[in-house]
């Protein structure tokens, strides 16, 4: 499963920033989490990642270490061609119902 994960920092003060860096330096993602992209926002308020995982439990494991310091959202995503094909299926269904 592929997810777009976004986070914002809870505490942007000096101590919060220092602690997040300390945690990140000691953190290893779970073996079943493949980060396709991992980015910081230029304004320093958070970041985004594209992560492929084998289960929602693995996704939770990627975030739980930082839960006191960040607010997360995680949205399932799929390739645009697959999303467009599914959208076309929806249109065909609605068009078939009069």
N, C-alpha and C. Protein backbone atom coordinates (compact mmCIF):
# COMPACT_ATOMS: atom_id res chain seq x y z
N UNK A 1 0.84 -1.17 0.00
CA UNK A 1 0.00 0.00 0.00
C UNK A 1 0.88 1.24 0.00
N UNK A 2 0.47 2.20 -0.78
CA UNK A 2 1.23 3.44 -0.92
C UNK A 2 0.48 4.57 -0.21
N UNK A 3 1.21 5.37 0.58
CA UNK A 3 0.60 6.45 1.35
C UNK A 3 1.37 7.75 1.15
N UNK A 4 0.61 8.85 1.13
CA UNK A 4 1.17 10.19 1.23
C UNK A 4 1.04 10.56 2.70
N UNK A 5 2.17 10.74 3.37
CA UNK A 5 2.18 11.08 4.80
C UNK A 5 2.65 12.52 4.93
N UNK A 6 1.91 13.29 5.70
CA UNK A 6 2.30 14.68 5.96
C UNK A 6 2.33 14.89 7.46
N UNK A 7 3.27 15.71 7.91
CA UNK A 7 3.35 16.01 9.34
C UNK A 7 3.63 17.48 9.55
N UNK A 8 3.16 17.95 10.70
CA UNK A 8 3.49 19.29 11.17
C UNK A 8 4.04 19.14 12.57
N UNK A 9 4.96 20.01 12.92
CA UNK A 9 5.59 19.95 14.23
C UNK A 9 4.68 20.59 15.28
N UNK A 10 4.61 19.95 16.43
CA UNK A 10 3.79 20.44 17.53
C UNK A 10 4.49 21.59 18.25
N UNK A 11 5.78 21.44 18.50
CA UNK A 11 6.55 22.43 19.25
C UNK A 11 7.70 22.92 18.38
N UNK A 12 7.62 24.17 17.93
CA UNK A 12 8.67 24.72 17.07
C UNK A 12 9.71 25.49 17.87
N UNK A 13 9.66 25.37 19.18
CA UNK A 13 10.67 26.03 20.00
C UNK A 13 12.01 25.31 19.92
N UNK A 14 13.03 25.94 20.48
CA UNK A 14 14.39 25.40 20.44
C UNK A 14 14.47 23.99 21.04
N UNK A 15 13.84 23.78 22.19
CA UNK A 15 13.89 22.46 22.84
C UNK A 15 13.19 21.39 22.00
N UNK A 16 12.02 21.73 21.43
CA UNK A 16 11.30 20.79 20.59
C UNK A 16 12.10 20.41 19.35
N UNK A 17 12.71 21.41 18.74
CA UNK A 17 13.52 21.17 17.54
C UNK A 17 14.71 20.27 17.88
N UNK A 18 15.37 20.57 18.96
CA UNK A 18 16.54 19.78 19.37
C UNK A 18 16.14 18.32 19.64
N UNK A 19 15.01 18.12 20.34
CA UNK A 19 14.57 16.76 20.65
C UNK A 19 14.20 15.99 19.39
N UNK A 20 13.50 16.64 18.45
CA UNK A 20 13.14 15.95 17.20
C UNK A 20 14.39 15.50 16.44
N UNK A 21 15.39 16.35 16.36
CA UNK A 21 16.63 15.97 15.68
C UNK A 21 17.30 14.79 16.37
N UNK A 22 17.30 14.82 17.68
CA UNK A 22 17.90 13.73 18.46
C UNK A 22 17.17 12.41 18.17
N UNK A 23 15.84 12.45 18.18
CA UNK A 23 15.06 11.24 17.89
C UNK A 23 15.29 10.76 16.46
N UNK A 24 15.29 11.69 15.51
CA UNK A 24 15.46 11.31 14.10
C UNK A 24 16.82 10.66 13.86
N UNK A 25 17.85 11.16 14.51
CA UNK A 25 19.19 10.60 14.32
C UNK A 25 19.30 9.17 14.83
N UNK A 26 18.46 8.80 15.81
CA UNK A 26 18.49 7.44 16.34
C UNK A 26 17.42 6.52 15.76
N UNK A 27 16.61 7.05 14.83
CA UNK A 27 15.46 6.31 14.31
C UNK A 27 15.81 5.49 13.08
N UNK A 28 15.25 4.32 13.00
CA UNK A 28 15.32 3.47 11.80
C UNK A 28 13.90 3.14 11.39
N UNK A 29 13.53 3.35 10.12
CA UNK A 29 12.18 2.97 9.69
C UNK A 29 12.02 1.45 9.77
N UNK A 30 10.79 0.97 9.95
CA UNK A 30 10.56 -0.48 9.94
C UNK A 30 11.03 -1.08 8.62
N UNK A 31 11.46 -2.32 8.67
CA UNK A 31 11.97 -3.00 7.47
C UNK A 31 10.94 -3.03 6.35
N UNK A 32 9.66 -3.11 6.68
CA UNK A 32 8.61 -3.22 5.66
C UNK A 32 8.10 -1.85 5.20
N UNK A 33 8.82 -0.77 5.53
CA UNK A 33 8.45 0.58 5.08
C UNK A 33 9.50 1.06 4.08
N UNK A 34 9.07 1.28 2.86
CA UNK A 34 9.96 1.74 1.79
C UNK A 34 9.63 3.19 1.48
N UNK A 35 10.51 4.11 1.88
CA UNK A 35 10.29 5.53 1.63
C UNK A 35 10.68 5.85 0.19
N UNK A 36 9.70 6.19 -0.62
CA UNK A 36 9.92 6.53 -2.02
C UNK A 36 10.38 7.98 -2.16
N UNK A 37 9.97 8.81 -1.21
CA UNK A 37 10.36 10.21 -1.15
C UNK A 37 10.19 10.69 0.27
N UNK A 38 11.09 11.57 0.73
CA UNK A 38 11.10 12.00 2.13
C UNK A 38 11.58 13.44 2.13
N UNK A 39 10.69 14.39 2.46
CA UNK A 39 11.00 15.80 2.27
C UNK A 39 10.63 16.65 3.48
N UNK A 40 11.42 17.68 3.71
CA UNK A 40 11.09 18.71 4.69
C UNK A 40 10.44 19.88 3.97
N UNK A 41 9.48 20.53 4.62
CA UNK A 41 8.91 21.75 4.06
C UNK A 41 9.92 22.87 4.24
N UNK A 42 10.04 23.72 3.23
CA UNK A 42 11.05 24.78 3.25
C UNK A 42 10.87 25.77 4.39
N UNK A 43 9.63 25.92 4.87
CA UNK A 43 9.39 26.87 5.97
C UNK A 43 9.68 26.27 7.34
N UNK A 44 10.09 24.99 7.39
CA UNK A 44 10.44 24.36 8.65
C UNK A 44 9.28 23.90 9.50
N UNK A 45 8.06 23.95 8.96
CA UNK A 45 6.88 23.61 9.76
C UNK A 45 6.54 22.12 9.77
N UNK A 46 7.20 21.32 8.94
CA UNK A 46 6.87 19.89 8.88
C UNK A 46 7.51 19.24 7.67
N UNK A 47 6.80 18.27 7.10
CA UNK A 47 7.33 17.56 5.95
C UNK A 47 6.32 16.62 5.35
N UNK A 48 6.75 15.94 4.30
CA UNK A 48 5.92 14.97 3.59
C UNK A 48 6.77 13.77 3.19
N UNK A 49 6.12 12.64 3.01
CA UNK A 49 6.79 11.44 2.53
C UNK A 49 5.82 10.63 1.70
N UNK A 50 6.35 9.91 0.75
CA UNK A 50 5.62 8.88 0.03
C UNK A 50 6.21 7.57 0.54
N UNK A 51 5.36 6.75 1.16
CA UNK A 51 5.83 5.54 1.83
C UNK A 51 5.03 4.34 1.34
N UNK A 52 5.73 3.29 0.94
CA UNK A 52 5.07 2.03 0.61
C UNK A 52 5.24 1.08 1.78
N UNK A 53 4.12 0.53 2.26
CA UNK A 53 4.14 -0.37 3.41
C UNK A 53 3.35 -1.63 3.11
N UNK A 54 3.63 -2.66 3.88
CA UNK A 54 2.91 -3.92 3.70
C UNK A 54 1.59 -3.94 4.44
N UNK A 55 1.41 -3.03 5.42
CA UNK A 55 0.17 -3.02 6.21
C UNK A 55 0.03 -1.66 6.90
N UNK A 56 -1.16 -1.40 7.36
CA UNK A 56 -1.41 -0.17 8.11
C UNK A 56 -0.64 -0.21 9.42
N UNK A 57 -0.46 -1.39 10.00
CA UNK A 57 0.33 -1.51 11.23
C UNK A 57 1.76 -1.03 11.01
N UNK A 58 2.35 -1.36 9.87
CA UNK A 58 3.70 -0.88 9.56
C UNK A 58 3.70 0.64 9.43
N UNK A 59 2.67 1.19 8.80
CA UNK A 59 2.58 2.64 8.69
C UNK A 59 2.53 3.27 10.08
N UNK A 60 1.73 2.70 10.97
CA UNK A 60 1.65 3.22 12.34
C UNK A 60 3.01 3.16 13.02
N UNK A 61 3.76 2.10 12.78
CA UNK A 61 5.10 1.98 13.38
C UNK A 61 6.06 3.05 12.86
N UNK A 62 5.84 3.54 11.64
CA UNK A 62 6.73 4.58 11.12
C UNK A 62 6.49 5.92 11.80
N UNK A 63 5.30 6.11 12.39
CA UNK A 63 4.93 7.39 12.96
C UNK A 63 4.97 7.43 14.48
N UNK A 64 4.78 6.31 15.14
CA UNK A 64 4.57 6.31 16.59
C UNK A 64 5.74 6.86 17.40
N UNK A 65 6.95 6.70 16.92
CA UNK A 65 8.11 7.21 17.67
C UNK A 65 8.10 8.72 17.79
N UNK A 66 7.41 9.39 16.87
CA UNK A 66 7.41 10.85 16.83
C UNK A 66 6.08 11.46 17.25
N UNK A 67 5.13 10.62 17.65
CA UNK A 67 3.77 11.08 17.94
C UNK A 67 3.69 12.24 18.93
N UNK A 68 4.52 12.32 19.98
CA UNK A 68 4.41 13.47 20.88
C UNK A 68 4.89 14.79 20.25
N UNK A 69 5.61 14.71 19.15
CA UNK A 69 6.26 15.88 18.56
C UNK A 69 5.68 16.32 17.22
N UNK A 70 4.83 15.48 16.62
CA UNK A 70 4.31 15.78 15.29
C UNK A 70 2.85 15.36 15.19
N UNK A 71 2.11 16.09 14.37
CA UNK A 71 0.76 15.69 14.01
C UNK A 71 0.82 15.15 12.59
N UNK A 72 0.30 13.92 12.41
CA UNK A 72 0.38 13.24 11.12
C UNK A 72 -0.97 13.13 10.43
N UNK A 73 -0.94 13.15 9.11
CA UNK A 73 -2.05 12.67 8.28
C UNK A 73 -1.44 11.68 7.29
N UNK A 74 -2.19 10.64 6.98
CA UNK A 74 -1.72 9.62 6.04
C UNK A 74 -2.87 9.26 5.11
N UNK A 75 -2.67 9.51 3.83
CA UNK A 75 -3.70 9.24 2.83
C UNK A 75 -3.22 8.16 1.88
N UNK A 76 -4.06 7.12 1.64
CA UNK A 76 -3.69 6.12 0.65
C UNK A 76 -3.69 6.75 -0.74
N UNK A 77 -2.72 6.38 -1.55
CA UNK A 77 -2.62 6.93 -2.91
C UNK A 77 -2.40 5.80 -3.91
N UNK A 78 -2.66 6.09 -5.18
CA UNK A 78 -2.42 5.13 -6.24
C UNK A 78 -1.97 5.88 -7.48
N UNK A 79 -1.35 5.19 -8.42
CA UNK A 79 -0.89 5.85 -9.64
C UNK A 79 -2.05 6.54 -10.35
N UNK A 80 -1.76 7.68 -10.98
CA UNK A 80 -2.81 8.49 -11.58
C UNK A 80 -3.56 7.74 -12.69
N UNK A 81 -2.87 6.90 -13.45
CA UNK A 81 -3.57 6.16 -14.51
C UNK A 81 -4.58 5.17 -13.91
N UNK A 82 -4.22 4.55 -12.79
CA UNK A 82 -5.15 3.64 -12.13
C UNK A 82 -6.32 4.42 -11.52
N UNK A 83 -6.03 5.57 -10.92
CA UNK A 83 -7.09 6.41 -10.36
C UNK A 83 -8.05 6.90 -11.44
N UNK A 84 -7.50 7.27 -12.60
CA UNK A 84 -8.34 7.73 -13.71
C UNK A 84 -9.23 6.60 -14.22
N UNK A 85 -8.70 5.39 -14.31
CA UNK A 85 -9.49 4.24 -14.77
C UNK A 85 -10.62 3.94 -13.79
N UNK A 86 -10.34 4.03 -12.51
CA UNK A 86 -11.39 3.81 -11.51
C UNK A 86 -12.44 4.90 -11.60
N UNK A 87 -11.99 6.14 -11.81
CA UNK A 87 -12.94 7.24 -12.00
C UNK A 87 -13.85 7.00 -13.19
N UNK A 88 -13.29 6.48 -14.28
CA UNK A 88 -14.08 6.17 -15.48
C UNK A 88 -15.10 5.07 -15.18
N UNK A 89 -14.73 4.10 -14.35
CA UNK A 89 -15.68 3.06 -13.94
C UNK A 89 -16.85 3.68 -13.19
N UNK A 90 -16.57 4.64 -12.34
CA UNK A 90 -17.64 5.33 -11.61
C UNK A 90 -18.58 6.07 -12.53
N UNK A 91 -18.00 6.76 -13.53
CA UNK A 91 -18.81 7.48 -14.51
C UNK A 91 -19.70 6.51 -15.27
N UNK A 92 -19.11 5.38 -15.70
CA UNK A 92 -19.89 4.38 -16.45
C UNK A 92 -21.03 3.85 -15.61
N UNK A 93 -20.82 3.60 -14.35
CA UNK A 93 -21.88 3.13 -13.46
C UNK A 93 -22.98 4.17 -13.37
N UNK A 94 -22.63 5.43 -13.13
CA UNK A 94 -23.65 6.48 -12.98
C UNK A 94 -24.43 6.68 -14.29
N UNK A 95 -23.72 6.62 -15.41
CA UNK A 95 -24.38 6.78 -16.70
C UNK A 95 -25.34 5.62 -16.99
N UNK A 96 -25.07 4.44 -16.46
CA UNK A 96 -25.91 3.27 -16.70
C UNK A 96 -27.20 3.31 -15.90
N UNK A 97 -27.26 4.13 -14.87
CA UNK A 97 -28.46 4.23 -14.03
C UNK A 97 -29.26 5.44 -14.48
N UNK A 98 -30.47 5.20 -14.97
CA UNK A 98 -31.27 6.32 -15.44
C UNK A 98 -32.26 6.81 -14.41
